[in-house]
Protein backbone atom coordinates (compact mmCIF):
# COMPACT_ATOMS: atom_id res chain seq x y z
CA MET A 1 -130.23 101.28 -71.69
CA SER A 2 -130.03 104.53 -69.73
CA LYS A 3 -133.13 103.54 -67.73
CA ASN A 4 -131.53 100.25 -66.68
CA MET A 5 -128.34 102.07 -65.74
CA PHE A 6 -130.24 104.46 -63.51
CA LEU A 7 -132.12 101.56 -61.90
CA LEU A 8 -128.78 99.90 -61.20
CA PHE A 9 -127.47 103.09 -59.56
CA GLU A 10 -130.60 103.26 -57.44
CA LYS A 11 -130.10 99.69 -56.20
CA ILE A 12 -126.46 100.39 -55.35
CA TYR A 13 -127.46 103.57 -53.59
CA ASN A 14 -130.07 101.74 -51.50
CA LYS A 15 -127.55 99.05 -50.52
CA ILE A 16 -125.00 101.67 -49.43
CA THR A 17 -127.64 103.54 -47.46
CA GLU A 18 -128.77 100.36 -45.68
CA PHE A 19 -125.16 99.56 -44.77
CA LEU A 20 -124.40 103.01 -43.42
CA MET A 21 -127.77 103.39 -41.64
CA PRO A 22 -128.84 100.73 -39.16
CA LEU A 23 -132.61 100.44 -38.91
CA GLY A 24 -132.68 101.96 -35.44
CA GLU A 25 -130.96 105.14 -36.60
CA LYS A 26 -132.78 106.02 -39.81
CA PHE A 27 -134.78 108.58 -37.86
CA PHE A 28 -131.60 110.40 -36.84
CA PHE A 29 -129.86 110.19 -40.19
CA ASN A 30 -130.84 113.57 -41.65
CA ILE A 31 -130.64 115.22 -38.21
CA PHE A 32 -127.10 114.24 -37.31
CA LEU A 33 -125.63 115.05 -40.69
CA ASN A 34 -125.36 118.76 -41.31
CA SER A 35 -126.37 118.06 -44.87
CA GLU A 36 -127.61 115.03 -46.74
CA PHE A 37 -125.25 112.14 -47.36
CA SER A 38 -126.26 111.91 -51.02
CA LEU A 39 -129.01 112.85 -53.42
CA MET A 40 -132.38 111.22 -52.79
CA LEU A 41 -133.72 109.65 -55.99
CA GLU A 42 -137.51 109.48 -55.87
CA ASN A 43 -138.15 108.98 -59.55
CA VAL A 44 -135.35 107.36 -61.50
CA ILE A 45 -137.07 107.73 -64.85
CA LEU A 46 -137.16 111.53 -64.60
CA LEU A 47 -133.48 111.83 -63.55
CA SER A 48 -131.82 114.55 -65.58
CA TYR A 49 -128.17 114.87 -66.54
CA GLN A 50 -127.57 117.50 -63.87
CA GLN A 51 -129.10 115.27 -61.18
CA PHE A 52 -126.99 112.36 -62.38
CA VAL A 53 -123.80 114.45 -62.07
CA ASP A 54 -124.90 115.58 -58.60
CA PHE A 55 -125.56 112.00 -57.56
CA PHE A 56 -122.21 110.73 -58.83
CA LEU A 57 -120.04 113.54 -57.41
CA LEU A 58 -121.71 113.64 -54.02
CA ASN A 59 -121.42 109.89 -53.54
CA LEU A 60 -117.86 109.85 -54.85
CA HIS A 61 -116.91 112.47 -52.28
CA SER A 62 -118.42 110.43 -49.43
CA ILE A 63 -117.01 107.11 -50.65
CA LEU A 64 -113.52 108.59 -50.97
CA SER A 65 -113.69 109.86 -47.39
CA VAL A 66 -114.81 106.50 -46.01
CA LEU A 67 -112.20 104.61 -48.05
CA LEU A 68 -109.52 106.98 -46.80
CA LEU A 69 -110.49 106.33 -43.20
CA PHE A 70 -110.45 102.56 -43.63
CA SER A 71 -107.13 102.76 -45.52
CA ILE A 72 -105.58 104.66 -42.62
CA TYR A 73 -106.71 102.06 -40.08
CA ILE A 74 -105.64 99.09 -42.19
CA GLY A 75 -102.30 100.67 -43.13
CA LEU A 76 -101.40 101.52 -39.53
CA PHE A 77 -102.44 98.09 -38.31
CA LEU A 78 -100.28 96.41 -40.96
CA ASN A 79 -97.40 98.68 -40.02
CA MET A 80 -97.58 97.28 -36.52
CA PHE A 81 -97.93 93.59 -37.34
CA HIS A 82 -97.16 92.93 -41.01
CA TYR A 83 -93.70 91.48 -40.41
CA SER A 84 -94.87 89.43 -37.42
CA ILE A 85 -97.78 88.06 -39.43
CA ARG A 86 -95.48 87.03 -42.32
CA TYR A 87 -93.09 85.39 -39.89
CA TYR A 88 -96.01 83.63 -38.19
CA ILE A 89 -97.38 82.24 -41.48
CA ILE A 90 -93.96 81.06 -42.75
CA ASN A 91 -93.12 79.49 -39.40
CA LEU A 92 -96.51 77.82 -39.23
CA LEU A 93 -96.23 76.30 -42.72
CA PHE A 94 -92.57 75.35 -42.88
CA SER A 95 -91.48 74.84 -39.30
CA PHE A 96 -92.03 72.03 -36.81
CA GLN A 97 -92.79 74.64 -34.16
CA ARG A 98 -96.59 74.40 -33.96
CA ASN A 99 -97.20 77.47 -31.80
CA PRO A 100 -94.85 80.16 -33.07
CA PHE A 101 -94.89 83.30 -30.98
CA ILE A 102 -96.17 86.13 -33.15
CA PHE A 103 -94.59 88.85 -31.01
CA LYS A 104 -91.11 87.31 -30.76
CA ARG A 105 -88.65 90.17 -30.45
CA ASP A 106 -85.73 89.33 -32.78
CA PHE A 107 -87.65 87.22 -35.27
CA PHE A 108 -85.52 88.48 -38.17
CA LEU A 109 -82.64 86.45 -36.64
CA SER A 110 -84.55 83.15 -36.79
CA LYS A 111 -82.38 80.05 -36.43
CA ASN A 112 -84.76 77.86 -38.43
CA LYS A 113 -83.10 77.37 -41.82
CA VAL A 114 -86.34 77.11 -43.82
CA VAL A 115 -87.87 80.16 -42.23
CA PHE A 116 -84.62 82.07 -42.49
CA GLY A 117 -84.42 81.16 -46.20
CA PHE A 118 -87.87 82.57 -46.93
CA LEU A 119 -87.06 85.72 -44.99
CA THR A 120 -83.77 86.12 -46.86
CA ARG A 121 -85.44 85.78 -50.29
CA GLY A 122 -87.85 88.53 -49.32
CA ASN A 123 -84.94 90.64 -48.05
CA TYR A 124 -86.57 90.73 -44.61
CA THR A 125 -83.46 89.75 -42.65
CA ASN A 126 -82.37 93.38 -43.02
CA LYS A 127 -84.20 95.32 -40.31
CA TYR A 128 -84.20 98.50 -42.40
CA VAL A 129 -86.53 97.00 -45.03
CA PRO A 130 -89.60 96.73 -42.74
CA ALA A 131 -88.77 100.13 -41.26
CA TYR A 132 -88.74 101.83 -44.66
CA GLN A 133 -91.89 99.93 -45.67
CA ALA A 134 -93.68 101.33 -42.61
CA ALA A 135 -92.51 104.86 -43.44
CA ASP A 136 -93.53 104.47 -47.09
CA THR A 137 -96.98 103.28 -46.02
CA MET A 138 -97.37 106.41 -43.91
CA PHE A 139 -96.30 108.51 -46.87
CA LEU A 140 -98.88 106.89 -49.14
CA LEU A 141 -101.61 107.44 -46.55
CA MET A 142 -100.62 111.08 -46.30
CA VAL A 143 -100.74 111.44 -50.11
CA PHE A 144 -104.19 109.84 -50.14
CA LEU A 145 -105.30 112.28 -47.43
CA PHE A 146 -104.03 115.29 -49.37
CA PHE A 147 -105.71 114.02 -52.53
CA SER A 148 -109.03 113.62 -50.73
CA LEU A 149 -108.79 117.10 -49.18
CA THR A 150 -107.84 118.62 -52.54
CA TYR A 151 -110.84 116.95 -54.17
CA ASN A 152 -113.12 118.26 -51.44
CA VAL A 153 -111.83 121.81 -51.86
CA PHE A 154 -112.16 121.56 -55.63
CA LEU A 155 -115.71 120.27 -55.28
CA TYR A 156 -116.81 123.01 -52.88
CA GLN A 157 -115.18 125.86 -54.79
CA ASN A 158 -116.47 124.80 -58.21
CA CYS A 159 -120.07 123.98 -57.39
CA HIS A 160 -121.34 126.51 -59.90
CA TYR A 161 -119.33 125.09 -62.80
CA LEU A 162 -120.24 121.50 -61.91
CA PHE A 163 -123.98 122.27 -61.66
CA ILE A 164 -124.05 121.27 -57.99
CA ASP A 165 -126.13 122.94 -55.32
CA SER A 166 -123.58 123.82 -52.61
CA SER A 167 -126.22 123.49 -49.90
CA SER A 168 -126.62 119.78 -50.70
CA LEU A 169 -122.93 118.95 -50.32
CA THR A 170 -121.96 116.70 -47.44
CA THR A 171 -120.05 118.55 -44.74
CA VAL A 172 -120.18 115.82 -42.10
CA ILE A 173 -119.96 112.05 -42.50
CA ASN A 174 -121.21 110.25 -39.41
CA PHE A 175 -121.80 106.51 -39.59
CA ASN A 176 -121.86 103.48 -37.32
CA LEU A 177 -120.05 100.38 -38.51
CA ILE A 178 -120.86 97.59 -36.06
CA LYS A 179 -122.57 97.33 -32.68
CA TRP A 180 -120.21 97.25 -29.70
CA ILE A 181 -122.15 97.56 -26.41
CA SER A 182 -125.91 97.37 -25.87
CA TYR A 183 -127.65 99.21 -23.04
CA PHE A 184 -131.33 99.93 -22.36
CA GLN A 185 -132.95 100.71 -25.71
CA ASP A 186 -129.81 102.08 -27.35
CA SER A 187 -126.31 100.81 -28.05
CA ILE A 188 -122.73 101.98 -28.53
CA HIS A 189 -121.25 101.37 -31.96
CA PHE A 190 -117.87 101.40 -33.55
CA GLY A 191 -118.80 104.64 -35.29
CA PHE A 192 -116.73 107.27 -37.02
CA LEU A 193 -117.17 110.97 -37.57
CA LEU A 194 -115.50 112.93 -40.35
CA ASP A 195 -116.04 116.67 -40.15
CA SER A 196 -113.77 119.70 -40.48
CA LEU A 197 -112.32 119.15 -37.00
CA SER A 198 -111.48 115.50 -37.72
CA TRP A 199 -109.95 116.37 -41.10
CA LEU A 200 -107.74 119.00 -39.46
CA MET A 201 -106.50 116.61 -36.78
CA LEU A 202 -105.93 113.84 -39.34
CA LEU A 203 -103.84 116.21 -41.43
CA VAL A 204 -101.70 117.15 -38.43
CA VAL A 205 -101.29 113.63 -37.07
CA LEU A 206 -100.49 111.85 -40.34
CA SER A 207 -98.17 114.58 -41.67
CA ILE A 208 -95.98 114.78 -38.59
CA SER A 209 -96.11 111.03 -38.00
CA THR A 210 -94.82 110.43 -41.53
CA LEU A 211 -91.90 112.79 -40.98
CA VAL A 212 -91.10 111.19 -37.63
CA HIS A 213 -91.15 107.71 -39.22
CA TYR A 214 -88.51 108.67 -41.78
CA TYR A 215 -86.50 110.62 -39.21
CA SER A 216 -86.48 107.70 -36.75
CA ILE A 217 -84.94 105.22 -39.20
CA ASP A 218 -81.64 107.07 -39.21
CA TYR A 219 -81.83 108.45 -35.67
CA MET A 220 -82.43 104.99 -34.15
CA SER A 221 -80.26 103.07 -36.62
CA SER A 222 -77.78 101.98 -33.96
CA ASP A 223 -80.52 100.77 -31.61
CA PRO A 224 -81.11 96.99 -31.80
CA ARG A 225 -84.85 97.51 -31.16
CA LEU A 226 -85.48 99.67 -34.21
CA LEU A 227 -88.38 97.53 -35.47
CA THR A 228 -90.02 97.59 -32.06
CA PHE A 229 -89.73 101.38 -32.05
CA MET A 230 -91.33 101.61 -35.50
CA LYS A 231 -94.21 99.41 -34.34
CA TYR A 232 -94.75 101.71 -31.38
CA LEU A 233 -94.81 104.71 -33.71
CA SER A 234 -97.52 103.15 -35.87
CA GLY A 235 -99.50 102.07 -32.82
CA PHE A 236 -99.29 105.54 -31.32
CA THR A 237 -100.54 107.06 -34.59
CA LEU A 238 -103.33 104.47 -34.82
CA ALA A 239 -104.55 105.32 -31.31
CA MET A 240 -104.55 109.04 -32.11
CA VAL A 241 -106.44 108.51 -35.37
CA LEU A 242 -109.03 106.49 -33.46
CA LEU A 243 -109.33 109.30 -30.91
CA VAL A 244 -109.93 112.06 -33.46
CA THR A 245 -112.34 110.10 -35.70
CA ALA A 246 -114.53 108.48 -33.02
CA ASN A 247 -118.14 109.62 -33.01
CA ASN A 248 -118.83 108.75 -29.36
CA PHE A 249 -117.18 109.04 -25.97
CA ALA A 250 -116.65 105.29 -25.56
CA LEU A 251 -114.58 104.94 -28.73
CA LEU A 252 -112.79 108.22 -27.98
CA PHE A 253 -111.83 106.80 -24.58
CA LEU A 254 -110.41 103.72 -26.30
CA GLY A 255 -108.09 105.91 -28.37
CA TRP A 256 -107.43 108.09 -25.31
CA GLU A 257 -106.13 105.09 -23.36
CA GLY A 258 -104.23 103.77 -26.37
CA VAL A 259 -102.29 107.01 -26.60
CA GLY A 260 -101.49 106.74 -22.89
CA ILE A 261 -100.26 103.15 -23.19
CA PHE A 262 -97.94 103.91 -26.10
CA SER A 263 -96.61 107.05 -24.38
CA TYR A 264 -95.62 104.82 -21.44
CA LEU A 265 -93.84 102.43 -23.82
CA PHE A 266 -92.11 105.32 -25.58
CA ILE A 267 -90.91 107.23 -22.52
CA GLY A 268 -89.57 104.02 -20.97
CA PHE A 269 -88.20 102.70 -24.26
CA TRP A 270 -84.64 102.74 -22.92
CA TYR A 271 -85.68 100.67 -19.92
CA THR A 272 -82.12 100.24 -18.63
CA ARG A 273 -82.19 103.89 -17.55
CA THR A 274 -83.70 104.43 -14.11
CA LEU A 275 -84.81 107.98 -14.95
CA ALA A 276 -86.66 106.76 -18.04
CA LEU A 277 -88.62 104.18 -16.04
CA LYS A 278 -89.53 106.74 -13.36
CA ALA A 279 -90.63 109.25 -16.00
CA ALA A 280 -92.80 106.62 -17.72
CA LEU A 281 -94.48 105.71 -14.42
CA LYS A 282 -95.05 109.39 -13.61
CA ALA A 283 -96.69 109.95 -16.99
CA VAL A 284 -99.05 107.00 -16.45
CA ILE A 285 -99.96 107.92 -12.85
CA VAL A 286 -100.58 111.60 -13.53
CA ASN A 287 -102.65 110.85 -16.61
CA ARG A 288 -104.80 108.42 -14.60
CA ILE A 289 -106.36 111.46 -12.92
CA GLY A 290 -107.55 112.77 -16.26
CA ASP A 291 -108.68 109.30 -17.34
CA VAL A 292 -110.86 108.88 -14.25
CA ALA A 293 -112.35 112.34 -14.84
CA LEU A 294 -113.22 111.40 -18.42
CA ILE A 295 -114.90 108.18 -17.23
CA ILE A 296 -116.98 110.13 -14.70
CA ALA A 297 -117.96 112.71 -17.34
CA SER A 298 -118.97 109.95 -19.77
CA GLY A 299 -121.04 108.26 -17.05
CA LEU A 300 -122.85 111.49 -16.22
CA ILE A 301 -123.57 112.13 -19.91
CA LEU A 302 -124.90 108.60 -20.41
CA HIS A 303 -127.07 108.84 -17.29
CA PHE A 304 -128.67 112.21 -18.03
CA PHE A 305 -128.73 112.20 -21.84
CA GLY A 306 -129.00 108.49 -22.65
CA THR A 307 -126.38 108.55 -25.43
CA LEU A 308 -122.65 109.04 -25.92
CA GLU A 309 -122.63 110.10 -29.59
CA PHE A 310 -121.41 113.64 -30.18
CA LYS A 311 -123.92 114.59 -32.87
CA LYS A 312 -126.86 113.25 -30.92
CA LEU A 313 -125.73 115.16 -27.82
CA GLN A 314 -125.31 118.33 -29.84
CA VAL A 315 -128.83 118.03 -31.20
CA LEU A 316 -130.30 117.20 -27.79
CA ILE A 317 -128.73 120.25 -26.18
CA LEU A 318 -129.37 122.73 -28.97
CA TYR A 319 -132.85 121.73 -30.09
CA LEU A 320 -134.68 119.25 -27.89
CA PHE A 321 -133.87 120.43 -24.37
CA ASP A 322 -133.26 124.03 -25.39
CA PHE A 323 -132.27 125.99 -22.26
CA LYS A 324 -134.11 123.79 -19.75
CA ILE A 325 -131.21 121.42 -19.32
CA ALA A 326 -129.02 124.29 -18.10
CA SER A 327 -131.29 124.76 -15.09
CA MET A 328 -131.14 121.08 -14.06
CA THR A 329 -129.14 120.75 -10.87
CA LEU A 330 -127.66 118.02 -8.72
CA THR A 331 -127.42 118.36 -4.92
CA ILE A 332 -124.02 117.42 -3.50
CA LEU A 333 -123.32 118.12 0.20
CA ASN A 334 -126.20 120.61 0.34
CA PHE A 335 -124.82 122.46 -2.68
CA GLU A 336 -126.79 122.66 -5.91
CA ILE A 337 -124.55 122.17 -8.92
CA SER A 338 -125.64 122.43 -12.53
CA ILE A 339 -125.40 119.13 -14.39
CA ILE A 340 -123.83 120.82 -17.40
CA SER A 341 -121.23 122.53 -15.19
CA LEU A 342 -120.42 119.24 -13.47
CA ILE A 343 -119.94 117.46 -16.79
CA CYS A 344 -117.79 120.31 -18.12
CA PHE A 345 -115.71 120.32 -14.94
CA PHE A 346 -114.74 116.66 -15.32
CA LEU A 347 -114.11 117.13 -19.04
CA LEU A 348 -111.81 120.04 -18.16
CA ILE A 349 -109.89 117.90 -15.63
CA ALA A 350 -109.43 115.23 -18.30
CA ALA A 351 -108.15 117.81 -20.78
CA VAL A 352 -105.83 119.40 -18.19
CA GLY A 353 -104.25 116.02 -17.41
CA LYS A 354 -103.70 115.04 -21.03
CA SER A 355 -102.53 118.48 -22.20
CA ALA A 356 -100.20 119.03 -19.22
CA GLN A 357 -101.73 122.21 -17.85
CA PHE A 358 -100.67 123.65 -14.52
CA GLY A 359 -101.23 121.21 -11.67
CA LEU A 360 -100.95 118.10 -13.84
CA HIS A 361 -98.03 119.28 -15.95
CA THR A 362 -95.20 117.50 -14.14
CA TRP A 363 -95.12 114.48 -16.43
CA LEU A 364 -94.41 116.41 -19.63
CA PRO A 365 -90.87 117.74 -18.92
CA ASP A 366 -89.82 114.32 -17.57
CA ALA A 367 -91.11 112.70 -20.75
CA MET A 368 -87.89 113.95 -22.37
CA GLN A 369 -86.22 110.76 -21.15
CA GLY A 370 -87.57 109.02 -24.23
CA PRO A 371 -85.96 109.18 -27.69
CA THR A 372 -86.16 112.58 -29.41
CA PRO A 373 -88.48 111.43 -32.25
CA VAL A 374 -90.94 110.43 -29.53
CA SER A 375 -90.79 113.93 -28.09
CA ALA A 376 -91.61 115.39 -31.50
CA LEU A 377 -94.63 113.09 -31.84
CA ILE A 378 -95.95 113.42 -28.27
CA HIS A 379 -95.37 117.16 -27.85
CA ALA A 380 -96.42 118.28 -31.30
CA ALA A 381 -99.15 116.26 -32.97
CA THR A 382 -100.65 113.65 -30.72
CA MET A 383 -100.91 113.21 -26.98
CA VAL A 384 -100.78 116.78 -25.67
CA THR A 385 -103.23 118.04 -28.29
CA ALA A 386 -105.85 115.47 -27.26
CA GLY A 387 -107.00 117.65 -24.36
CA VAL A 388 -107.57 120.67 -26.58
CA TYR A 389 -109.36 118.46 -29.10
CA LEU A 390 -111.65 117.14 -26.35
CA ILE A 391 -112.69 120.65 -25.29
CA VAL A 392 -113.32 121.75 -28.88
CA ARG A 393 -115.25 118.57 -29.69
CA THR A 394 -117.48 119.06 -26.62
CA SER A 395 -117.73 122.84 -27.00
CA PHE A 396 -121.53 122.54 -27.11
CA PHE A 397 -121.31 121.61 -23.41
CA PHE A 398 -118.85 124.36 -22.43
CA GLU A 399 -120.98 127.07 -24.02
CA TYR A 400 -123.69 126.38 -21.44
CA SER A 401 -121.35 126.73 -18.45
CA ASP A 402 -119.80 130.16 -17.95
CA THR A 403 -118.17 129.04 -14.70
CA VAL A 404 -116.16 126.19 -16.21
CA ARG A 405 -115.34 128.27 -19.27
CA ASN A 406 -113.85 130.94 -17.01
CA MET A 407 -111.91 128.20 -15.20
CA THR A 408 -110.52 127.13 -18.56
CA LEU A 409 -109.52 130.73 -19.25
CA VAL A 410 -107.74 131.12 -15.90
CA ILE A 411 -105.90 127.78 -16.11
CA GLY A 412 -104.81 128.40 -19.69
CA ALA A 413 -103.62 131.96 -19.03
CA PHE A 414 -101.61 130.96 -15.95
CA THR A 415 -100.07 127.96 -17.71
CA ALA A 416 -99.04 130.18 -20.64
CA LEU A 417 -97.15 132.45 -18.24
CA PHE A 418 -95.85 129.67 -15.98
CA GLY A 419 -94.46 127.55 -18.82
CA SER A 420 -92.63 130.44 -20.46
CA VAL A 421 -91.11 131.69 -17.17
CA THR A 422 -89.97 128.19 -16.20
CA ALA A 423 -88.34 127.66 -19.60
CA CYS A 424 -86.13 130.71 -18.95
CA TYR A 425 -84.41 128.82 -16.10
CA GLN A 426 -83.72 125.58 -17.96
CA PHE A 427 -80.42 124.51 -19.56
CA ASP A 428 -81.54 121.24 -21.15
CA ILE A 429 -82.56 122.02 -24.73
CA LYS A 430 -85.33 119.41 -24.73
CA ARG A 431 -86.76 120.61 -21.40
CA ILE A 432 -86.81 124.18 -22.73
CA ILE A 433 -88.91 123.06 -25.70
CA ALA A 434 -91.06 120.93 -23.37
CA PHE A 435 -91.97 123.86 -21.13
CA SER A 436 -92.62 125.95 -24.22
CA THR A 437 -95.14 123.26 -25.20
CA CYS A 438 -96.92 123.72 -21.85
CA SER A 439 -96.98 127.46 -22.50
CA GLN A 440 -98.39 127.19 -26.02
CA LEU A 441 -101.03 124.71 -24.90
CA GLY A 442 -102.00 127.32 -22.32
CA TYR A 443 -102.72 129.75 -25.16
CA MET A 444 -105.00 127.14 -26.72
CA PHE A 445 -106.89 126.70 -23.45
CA LEU A 446 -107.08 130.46 -23.15
CA ALA A 447 -108.71 130.67 -26.58
CA CYS A 448 -111.20 127.93 -25.60
CA GLY A 449 -112.03 129.92 -22.45
CA LEU A 450 -112.82 132.89 -24.70
CA SER A 451 -115.13 130.66 -26.81
CA ALA A 452 -112.74 131.11 -29.74
CA TYR A 453 -112.48 127.42 -30.58
CA ASN A 454 -111.49 128.14 -34.17
CA LEU A 455 -108.50 130.16 -32.93
CA ALA A 456 -107.53 127.34 -30.57
CA MET A 457 -107.45 124.87 -33.47
CA PHE A 458 -105.64 127.38 -35.67
CA HIS A 459 -102.89 127.75 -33.07
CA LEU A 460 -102.85 123.96 -32.54
CA PHE A 461 -102.33 123.38 -36.25
CA ILE A 462 -99.51 125.91 -36.51
CA HIS A 463 -97.87 124.92 -33.23
CA ALA A 464 -97.78 121.23 -34.20
CA PHE A 465 -95.56 121.86 -37.21
CA PHE A 466 -93.07 124.35 -35.81
CA LYS A 467 -92.78 122.40 -32.54
CA ALA A 468 -92.08 119.19 -34.48
CA LEU A 469 -89.45 121.15 -36.44
CA LEU A 470 -87.83 122.31 -33.20
CA PHE A 471 -87.69 118.83 -31.68
CA LEU A 472 -86.33 117.20 -34.81
CA CYS A 473 -83.66 119.88 -35.18
CA ALA A 474 -82.80 119.55 -31.48
CA GLY A 475 -82.46 115.80 -31.96
CA SER A 476 -80.10 116.42 -34.88
CA VAL A 477 -77.93 118.64 -32.68
CA ILE A 478 -77.94 116.20 -29.76
CA HIS A 479 -77.11 113.29 -32.06
CA SER A 480 -74.22 115.19 -33.63
CA ILE A 481 -72.44 116.23 -30.43
CA GLY A 482 -72.46 112.93 -28.57
CA ASP A 483 -75.90 113.05 -26.91
CA GLU A 484 -75.14 116.28 -25.07
CA GLN A 485 -78.25 118.31 -24.17
CA ASP A 486 -76.82 121.18 -22.12
CA ILE A 487 -77.10 124.39 -24.15
CA ARG A 488 -74.17 125.92 -22.21
CA LYS A 489 -71.89 123.45 -24.00
CA MET A 490 -73.17 124.35 -27.46
CA GLY A 491 -72.08 127.15 -29.77
CA ASN A 492 -71.19 128.15 -33.34
CA LEU A 493 -73.89 125.87 -34.62
CA TYR A 494 -74.32 127.91 -37.81
CA ILE A 495 -70.76 127.00 -38.86
CA TYR A 496 -70.96 123.24 -38.46
CA MET A 497 -74.68 122.59 -39.08
CA PRO A 498 -76.08 125.43 -41.21
CA ILE A 499 -79.23 123.56 -42.32
CA THR A 500 -80.13 122.55 -38.76
CA TYR A 501 -79.38 126.07 -37.57
CA THR A 502 -81.74 127.50 -40.20
CA GLY A 503 -84.47 125.09 -39.16
CA LEU A 504 -84.04 126.04 -35.49
CA CYS A 505 -84.24 129.74 -36.37
CA ILE A 506 -87.46 129.25 -38.32
CA GLY A 507 -89.01 127.24 -35.49
CA PHE A 508 -87.95 129.64 -32.75
CA PHE A 509 -89.10 132.68 -34.73
CA SER A 510 -92.54 131.10 -35.09
CA LEU A 511 -92.53 130.15 -31.41
CA ALA A 512 -91.70 133.71 -30.39
CA GLY A 513 -94.40 135.05 -32.68
CA LEU A 514 -92.22 137.39 -34.72
CA PRO A 515 -94.08 139.35 -37.40
CA PHE A 516 -94.82 137.55 -40.69
CA THR A 517 -94.32 134.11 -39.11
CA SER A 518 -97.14 131.62 -38.61
CA GLY A 519 -96.99 131.89 -34.83
CA PHE A 520 -97.54 135.62 -35.01
CA PHE A 521 -100.95 135.37 -36.71
CA SER A 522 -102.37 132.84 -34.25
CA LYS A 523 -100.87 134.02 -30.96
CA ASP A 524 -101.40 137.73 -31.64
CA THR A 525 -105.07 137.10 -32.46
CA ILE A 526 -105.58 135.23 -29.18
CA ILE A 527 -103.95 138.06 -27.20
CA GLU A 528 -106.04 140.65 -29.02
CA LEU A 529 -109.22 138.71 -28.30
CA ALA A 530 -108.31 138.51 -24.60
CA MET A 531 -107.85 142.28 -24.56
CA CYS A 532 -111.34 142.73 -26.02
CA LYS A 533 -112.96 140.78 -23.16
CA ARG A 534 -113.92 143.67 -20.89
CA ASN A 535 -113.97 142.05 -17.44
CA ALA A 536 -111.59 140.84 -14.74
CA PHE A 537 -111.02 137.46 -16.40
CA GLY A 538 -110.18 139.12 -19.70
CA ALA A 539 -107.73 141.53 -18.06
CA TYR A 540 -106.04 138.66 -16.20
CA ALA A 541 -105.78 136.58 -19.36
CA TYR A 542 -104.43 139.54 -21.35
CA ILE A 543 -101.68 140.29 -18.81
CA CYS A 544 -100.61 136.64 -18.54
CA ALA A 545 -100.64 136.20 -22.32
CA VAL A 546 -98.55 139.32 -22.98
CA TRP A 547 -95.94 138.52 -20.33
CA GLY A 548 -95.86 134.91 -21.50
CA ALA A 549 -95.15 136.07 -25.05
CA CYS A 550 -92.35 138.32 -23.77
CA CYS A 551 -90.73 135.47 -21.82
CA THR A 552 -91.09 133.20 -24.85
CA ALA A 553 -89.22 135.73 -26.98
CA PHE A 554 -86.54 135.97 -24.26
CA TYR A 555 -85.70 132.26 -23.96
CA THR A 556 -85.80 131.72 -27.72
CA VAL A 557 -82.96 134.22 -28.09
C-alpha cells in the first residue's frame, strides 16, 4: 500500500515538473533557482519517513506560492470585469439585444425589464454591492498572502524540528507558463518570479491597495462613476502585480505600461476639469521618456545577451562572462562606451522618469488633480516605487558600472534635498506630501547609488505605509472642510478630528525621522552609510541627505 502511494506521488511530481519546466529549459532549471524546487526522488522504494515529510512540505510551500499568485491575478481580473461579465451573460440570454456592450457605463440602470429583474434579485442595482465585493476580494487576497508568508517563515524557522534540511528549501520560484514571443533559438514566455523582492513588493501593493479600496467606497460615494473608479483601482493593482512578479523585461514592460495607462485614467478621472486633463497629459508625456529608455535598454540586453530573463542574465554576468563583459565597448561618435554602462544608463533614465526624480519630476505634483485615494495609491505603493524596484531588480548590472552608480547617487541626493526644500514653499497640503514623496524617493536612489539595495527596499517598505497614511488622512481633512486644500485655512484640527489628527502626527513623525519611529531607522541608516563613503560623492550625498532631513522636519511642523 505504501509502495503504491509513493509511486503515485512520484507520478504527480513528474507531471508537475514537466508542466513547470518546458523541455528547452530543463538545463537551466537548477541554475536559475537558488535552491531546488522540490526533493528529487531517485528510488521510491527506499524513501524514508523523513524524506517523505521533506517532499510533502517542500512541494506544499511551492504549490501555495503558485496558487497565491494565480489567485491574485484571477481575483483582480474579476474585480475589473465581474459585474460587466454578469450583465453581458444575462443580457445575452434574456434580451433581444444580440450584441450587448460589455463595457457599458451605467449598466446597473438597465431599462430592459428582464435584465433589470435579474440584477435586482442579485442586489446588483445598488452600486455599493459590487464596490464592497471588490474590496472584500482584495481583503481575502491579502489574507491569503499573509498566510502564505507566515507559513514560509514557520517553515524556515522550524527546519530542525520538522527534519528538513534548510539548504534544500526553495528560496526562489521561477517558472514559465506559456510561450509568448519566439526569436532566434529562444523565446519570451509569460513567466513569473517569486523571490524575497517580489514577496516584499506584493505585500506592499496588496496591503495598501486593500485599504484604498475600502477608503474609496465612502470617499467617492457621491460620485456617479464609483464603479468605474473601483475598476480602475483593481486594474492599477493588477498592472503593478504583473510588474513586480514578471521574470523578464518584456513582461515587466507590459506591467510598466499598464501602470502608466491607469495613472492617466486616474489623474484625469474628473475629466470636466481642465487642470486634471492637462496633468494627465503631462504625466503620460513625461513618462514616455522613461518608457523609451526602457525599450532601448531591453533591446541592448537582448542583442548582447540573447535573453531577457532576469535569472538567466544574472547567471550570465556572474558566472559565464565573468569580468570580460565589463570590458566590452561600443563606439559612438568616436567615444568608446562600455555596454554595461550604456544599459545601466538607459535603465536609470527609465527609473528616473517613473520615480519622478529631478529633471523628470514635474508630473508628480500635478498628479494631485486626481482623487485623493489615487494619490495614496500612486505615491505610496505602486507607480513611483516601480523605478526603485527596477534598479534593485537589475542591480547585477549596476554593480558592474561605477559611473552610472555614481550618477544614481548624485541624482538621488539632489532630489532628496530639492524635494524637501520645495515642499517648504507649498501651501497645498497634497502638493506638500507630493514633494515629500520626491524627496523620500531620492533617499532610495541614494541608497541604490551606495550599493545598499536592501536599505533602499527597507525605506521603500516603510515609506509606502506612512505615506499612504498621510494621504488618506489628508483626504479625510479635505473631504470634511468642503474640498479645501490650503493649509493656511486650516487649524484646530485636534479638536474637531482627533483620530485624523493622531494619524497625521504619526505619519509626519515617521516622515521627519524622529527617534523610535520607523522612518528614523531607515533614513538614519542611509545617511550614516553616505557618511562612511570616503570620497567626494559620499560627502556630497551626506550633505544633501542631512539638509534634506532638516528641511523635512521643518515643513512637517
